[in-house]
């Protein structure tokens, strides 16, 4: 078996359990891996502020992959390795479609480490804030869109039936974008030119690693491309069966120490 030289891990549903906590066993396994010289890289649709506290908790300083690959940051130098924003005309079109036809859906815009919302007290915004620990900034979204050329992600939150309908509508007119549901009530939209696997390639090129020498682990549909890309792709036990089909291994769930077990078996032992 090829020696694993780097680990790329999803966060929600993988690193953290259903209570949004990193267990002590997981922390210990990550620290054992990094003490062996194996970088542990967090890969997420979250913004930087939603990832960096977890880096601190794990006591690591590896690069981070934000917005599912649209933004890659070198945490040691606090510099941007890669950035790919959404086309402004698509953002305008999506904003207008949501505002005119989907009154129960709430739209969020992310740009670098800014999370822009129109109503920070909205229940959906408060829920996301409690999960990620990030702080929203209140602004007029239309004005923000028209004056900020680099926007990395749109997050639409609302009732599952309306999110499903919105996904169908947006996919018809936005072929250049990546549009997917991260859960039934969340629709995430990013540049089609960005992906987790492309971001991973940026990082391993800097380290001089081959893709055959990396482990990627995740639990959802937006993790499939990195599971296929990595030399060793591992799906969590809580992943949908469709995701598990693309993995080389399936571990236990995020509530059963799946990540730490995978590190023990494939990196630490």
Protein backbone atom coordinates (compact mmCIF):
# COMPACT_ATOMS: atom_id res chain seq x y z
CA UNK A 1 0.00 0.00 0.00
CA UNK A 2 1.25 3.50 -0.89
CA UNK A 3 2.28 5.54 2.14
CA UNK A 4 -0.19 8.35 2.88
CA UNK A 5 1.57 11.74 2.91
CA UNK A 6 -1.42 14.06 3.40
CA UNK A 7 -5.03 13.85 4.61
CA UNK A 8 -7.89 15.98 3.27
CA UNK A 9 -10.97 15.93 5.48
CA UNK A 10 -14.47 17.30 5.12
CA UNK A 11 -15.87 18.96 8.27
CA UNK A 12 -19.65 18.64 8.69
CA UNK A 13 -20.66 15.01 8.96
CA UNK A 14 -16.99 13.91 8.98
CA UNK A 15 -14.68 15.76 11.37
CA UNK A 16 -17.49 16.81 13.72
CA UNK A 17 -20.25 14.62 15.10
CA UNK A 18 -24.00 15.25 15.10
CA UNK A 19 -23.57 17.61 18.06
CA UNK A 20 -21.12 19.69 15.97
CA UNK A 21 -18.23 18.66 18.24
CA UNK A 22 -14.74 17.28 17.54
CA UNK A 23 -14.29 14.35 19.91
CA UNK A 24 -11.14 13.94 22.00
CA UNK A 25 -10.35 10.70 20.17
CA UNK A 26 -10.49 12.51 16.82
CA UNK A 27 -8.26 15.35 18.08
CA UNK A 28 -5.70 12.85 19.32
CA UNK A 29 -5.69 10.94 16.01
CA UNK A 30 -5.23 14.15 14.00
CA UNK A 31 -2.36 15.25 16.25
CA UNK A 32 -0.70 11.82 15.94
CA UNK A 33 -0.90 12.09 12.14
CA UNK A 34 0.53 15.60 12.04
CA UNK A 35 3.31 14.60 14.46
CA UNK A 36 4.30 12.01 11.86
CA UNK A 37 4.67 14.85 9.32
CA UNK A 38 1.35 14.17 7.56
CA UNK A 39 -0.52 17.45 6.90
CA UNK A 40 -4.20 17.36 7.88
CA UNK A 41 -6.13 19.72 5.60
CA UNK A 42 -9.71 20.81 6.26
CA UNK A 43 -11.92 20.94 3.16
CA UNK A 44 -15.36 22.52 3.43
CA UNK A 45 -18.08 24.65 1.89
CA UNK A 46 -17.66 26.88 4.97
CA UNK A 47 -16.11 30.35 4.96
CA UNK A 48 -12.64 30.84 6.53
CA UNK A 49 -14.11 32.02 9.86
CA UNK A 50 -16.10 28.79 10.03
CA UNK A 51 -12.94 26.70 9.60
CA UNK A 52 -10.17 28.53 11.47
CA UNK A 53 -11.54 27.88 15.01
CA UNK A 54 -11.45 24.14 14.22
CA UNK A 55 -7.84 24.50 13.04
CA UNK A 56 -7.01 26.10 16.38
CA UNK A 57 -8.84 23.38 18.31
CA UNK A 58 -6.89 20.71 16.41
CA UNK A 59 -3.63 22.64 16.88
CA UNK A 60 -2.75 22.51 13.18
CA UNK A 61 -1.65 25.16 10.69
CA UNK A 62 -2.16 23.43 7.33
CA UNK A 63 -3.74 25.28 4.39
CA UNK A 64 -7.54 25.34 4.37
CA UNK A 65 -9.93 24.79 1.47
CA UNK A 66 -13.04 26.99 1.74
CA UNK A 67 -16.25 27.19 -0.30
CA UNK A 68 -15.70 23.65 -1.66
CA UNK A 69 -12.55 24.72 -3.47
CA UNK A 70 -13.33 28.29 -4.52
CA UNK A 71 -10.87 29.73 -1.98
CA UNK A 72 -7.63 28.18 -0.68
CA UNK A 73 -5.68 29.90 2.09
CA UNK A 74 -2.15 29.34 3.41
CA UNK A 75 -2.71 29.69 7.16
CA UNK A 76 0.97 30.11 8.03
CA UNK A 77 1.39 33.23 5.89
CA UNK A 78 -2.30 34.24 5.80
CA UNK A 79 -2.12 34.50 2.01
CA UNK A 80 -4.44 33.30 -0.74
CA UNK A 81 -3.22 30.30 -2.72
CA UNK A 82 -6.24 30.17 -5.06
CA UNK A 83 -9.44 32.15 -5.52
CA UNK A 84 -12.28 31.70 -8.01
CA UNK A 85 -15.39 33.84 -7.71
CA UNK A 86 -18.83 33.52 -9.26
CA UNK A 87 -19.61 35.45 -12.46
CA UNK A 88 -21.34 38.65 -11.35
CA UNK A 89 -24.11 38.36 -13.95
CA UNK A 90 -25.06 34.92 -12.60
CA UNK A 91 -25.18 36.21 -9.04
CA UNK A 92 -27.48 39.04 -10.12
CA UNK A 93 -29.75 36.60 -11.95
CA UNK A 94 -29.95 34.24 -8.98
CA UNK A 95 -30.68 37.07 -6.58
CA UNK A 96 -33.51 38.35 -8.78
CA UNK A 97 -34.97 34.85 -9.26
CA UNK A 98 -35.05 34.18 -5.51
CA UNK A 99 -36.50 37.59 -4.63
CA UNK A 100 -39.23 37.46 -7.29
CA UNK A 101 -40.37 33.82 -7.05
CA UNK A 102 -39.25 32.30 -3.74
CA UNK A 103 -40.34 34.51 -0.85
CA UNK A 104 -39.61 31.87 1.82
CA UNK A 105 -36.01 31.35 0.74
CA UNK A 106 -33.24 33.40 2.32
CA UNK A 107 -30.15 34.23 0.29
CA UNK A 108 -26.62 34.69 1.67
CA UNK A 109 -23.55 35.95 -0.20
CA UNK A 110 -19.99 34.98 0.76
CA UNK A 111 -16.92 36.92 -0.36
CA UNK A 112 -13.50 35.95 1.05
CA UNK A 113 -14.19 36.03 4.83
CA UNK A 114 -17.40 38.06 4.64
CA UNK A 115 -20.85 36.54 5.12
CA UNK A 116 -23.39 39.05 3.86
CA UNK A 117 -27.07 38.86 4.88
CA UNK A 118 -29.99 41.26 4.88
CA UNK A 119 -31.47 40.21 8.22
CA UNK A 120 -29.07 38.75 10.84
CA UNK A 121 -32.01 37.96 13.15
CA UNK A 122 -33.65 35.63 10.64
CA UNK A 123 -34.06 32.12 12.11
CA UNK A 124 -32.17 30.49 9.24
CA UNK A 125 -29.23 32.87 9.68
CA UNK A 126 -29.16 32.31 13.45
CA UNK A 127 -29.19 28.53 12.90
CA UNK A 128 -26.21 28.69 10.51
CA UNK A 129 -24.37 31.02 12.89
CA UNK A 130 -24.84 28.54 15.74
CA UNK A 131 -23.48 25.68 13.60
CA UNK A 132 -20.40 27.42 12.16
CA UNK A 133 -19.62 30.06 14.77
CA UNK A 134 -19.15 32.62 11.97
CA UNK A 135 -20.54 36.15 12.25
CA UNK A 136 -22.80 37.60 9.51
CA UNK A 137 -22.55 41.16 8.24
CA UNK A 138 -25.77 43.05 7.49
CA UNK A 139 -25.94 44.82 4.12
CA UNK A 140 -28.18 45.47 1.15
CA UNK A 141 -27.49 42.40 -0.97
CA UNK A 142 -28.26 44.03 -4.31
CA UNK A 143 -25.83 46.86 -3.58
CA UNK A 144 -23.18 44.40 -2.37
CA UNK A 145 -23.51 42.26 -5.50
CA UNK A 146 -23.15 45.25 -7.80
CA UNK A 147 -20.06 46.60 -6.03
CA UNK A 148 -18.12 43.39 -5.20
CA UNK A 149 -16.65 41.57 -8.19
CA UNK A 150 -15.39 38.53 -6.26
CA UNK A 151 -18.11 36.49 -4.57
CA UNK A 152 -17.24 32.89 -3.73
CA UNK A 153 -20.55 31.35 -2.69
CA UNK A 154 -24.29 31.82 -2.58
CA UNK A 155 -26.20 29.93 0.10
CA UNK A 156 -29.98 29.69 -0.19
CA UNK A 157 -31.85 28.41 2.88
CA UNK A 158 -35.51 27.56 3.19
CA UNK A 159 -38.22 24.87 3.19
CA UNK A 160 -37.07 21.68 1.46
CA UNK A 161 -39.83 21.69 -1.19
CA UNK A 162 -38.95 25.22 -2.28
CA UNK A 163 -35.21 24.51 -2.23
CA UNK A 164 -35.81 21.55 -4.55
CA UNK A 165 -37.85 23.72 -6.92
CA UNK A 166 -35.23 26.49 -6.82
CA UNK A 167 -32.48 23.98 -7.65
CA UNK A 168 -34.37 22.91 -10.79
CA UNK A 169 -34.94 26.52 -11.88
CA UNK A 170 -31.35 27.64 -11.34
CA UNK A 171 -29.74 24.63 -13.03
CA UNK A 172 -31.57 25.45 -16.26
CA UNK A 173 -30.02 28.91 -16.58
CA UNK A 174 -26.65 28.52 -14.83
CA UNK A 175 -24.78 25.67 -16.52
CA UNK A 176 -21.41 27.29 -15.72
CA UNK A 177 -22.03 27.00 -11.96
CA UNK A 178 -21.86 24.17 -9.44
CA UNK A 179 -25.27 23.96 -7.75
CA UNK A 180 -26.06 21.31 -5.14
CA UNK A 181 -28.01 20.67 -1.96
CA UNK A 182 -25.74 20.23 1.07
CA UNK A 183 -28.90 19.22 2.94
CA UNK A 184 -32.61 19.30 2.13
CA UNK A 185 -32.97 22.92 3.24
CA UNK A 186 -29.62 24.30 1.93
CA UNK A 187 -28.74 25.05 -1.70
CA UNK A 188 -25.10 25.98 -2.29
CA UNK A 189 -23.86 27.70 -5.45
CA UNK A 190 -20.23 28.16 -6.51
CA UNK A 191 -18.15 28.59 -9.65
CA UNK A 192 -18.13 25.57 -11.93
CA UNK A 193 -14.40 26.15 -12.39
CA UNK A 194 -13.73 25.34 -8.74
CA UNK A 195 -13.93 21.99 -6.97
CA UNK A 196 -12.50 20.25 -3.94
CA UNK A 197 -10.24 18.11 -6.13
CA UNK A 198 -8.83 21.11 -8.05
CA UNK A 199 -8.10 22.85 -4.74
CA UNK A 200 -6.39 19.71 -3.42
CA UNK A 201 -4.23 19.65 -6.55
CA UNK A 202 -3.12 23.21 -5.79
CA UNK A 203 -1.97 22.16 -2.33
CA UNK A 204 -0.26 18.86 -3.17
CA UNK A 205 1.66 20.59 -5.96
CA UNK A 206 3.13 22.91 -3.31
CA UNK A 207 4.10 19.95 -1.13
CA UNK A 208 5.38 17.86 -4.04
CA UNK A 209 2.96 15.01 -3.32
CA UNK A 210 1.23 12.77 -5.86
CA UNK A 211 -2.54 12.23 -5.73
CA UNK A 212 -1.84 8.53 -5.13
CA UNK A 213 -0.21 9.54 -1.83
CA UNK A 214 -3.21 11.32 -0.32
CA UNK A 215 -6.25 10.27 1.68
CA UNK A 216 -9.56 12.10 1.29
CA UNK A 217 -12.51 11.48 3.58
CA UNK A 218 -16.06 12.84 3.43
CA UNK A 219 -19.75 12.10 3.77
CA UNK A 220 -21.73 13.98 1.14
CA UNK A 221 -22.30 14.46 -2.59
CA UNK A 222 -19.95 17.44 -2.80
CA UNK A 223 -17.16 15.15 -1.53
CA UNK A 224 -17.43 12.68 -4.42
CA UNK A 225 -14.94 14.43 -6.68
CA UNK A 226 -12.21 14.43 -4.00
CA UNK A 227 -12.95 10.80 -3.05
CA UNK A 228 -12.46 9.86 -6.71
CA UNK A 229 -9.34 12.04 -7.03
CA UNK A 230 -7.44 10.77 -3.99
CA UNK A 231 -5.33 7.65 -4.00
CA UNK A 232 -7.43 6.55 -1.02
CA UNK A 233 -10.99 7.84 -0.84
CA UNK A 234 -12.94 7.01 2.32
CA UNK A 235 -16.67 7.54 2.80
CA UNK A 236 -18.15 7.97 6.25
CA UNK A 237 -20.67 5.41 7.47
CA UNK A 238 -23.30 8.18 7.56
CA UNK A 239 -22.76 8.99 3.86
CA UNK A 240 -25.55 8.23 1.36
CA UNK A 241 -25.11 4.96 -0.52
CA UNK A 242 -24.53 6.92 -3.75
CA UNK A 243 -21.46 8.57 -2.18
CA UNK A 244 -20.14 5.28 -0.79
CA UNK A 245 -20.03 3.84 -4.32
CA UNK A 246 -17.15 6.18 -5.18
CA UNK A 247 -15.00 5.36 -2.13
CA UNK A 248 -12.21 2.81 -1.78
CA UNK A 249 -13.23 2.26 1.82
CA UNK A 250 -16.23 2.94 4.05
CA UNK A 251 -15.57 3.68 7.72
CA UNK A 252 -17.88 4.12 10.70
CA UNK A 253 -20.18 7.14 11.05
CA UNK A 254 -19.22 10.55 12.44
CA UNK A 255 -20.95 9.54 15.70
CA UNK A 256 -18.87 6.33 15.88
CA UNK A 257 -15.36 7.78 15.47
CA UNK A 258 -15.16 7.05 11.73
CA UNK A 259 -12.45 9.63 11.05
CA UNK A 260 -10.17 8.62 13.90
CA UNK A 261 -10.54 4.94 12.98
CA UNK A 262 -9.53 5.73 9.39
CA UNK A 263 -6.47 7.68 10.53
CA UNK A 264 -5.44 4.89 12.90
CA UNK A 265 -5.78 2.26 10.18
CA UNK A 266 -4.29 4.11 7.21
CA UNK A 267 -1.90 6.76 8.54
CA UNK A 268 -0.83 6.19 12.14
CA UNK A 269 -0.36 2.40 12.29
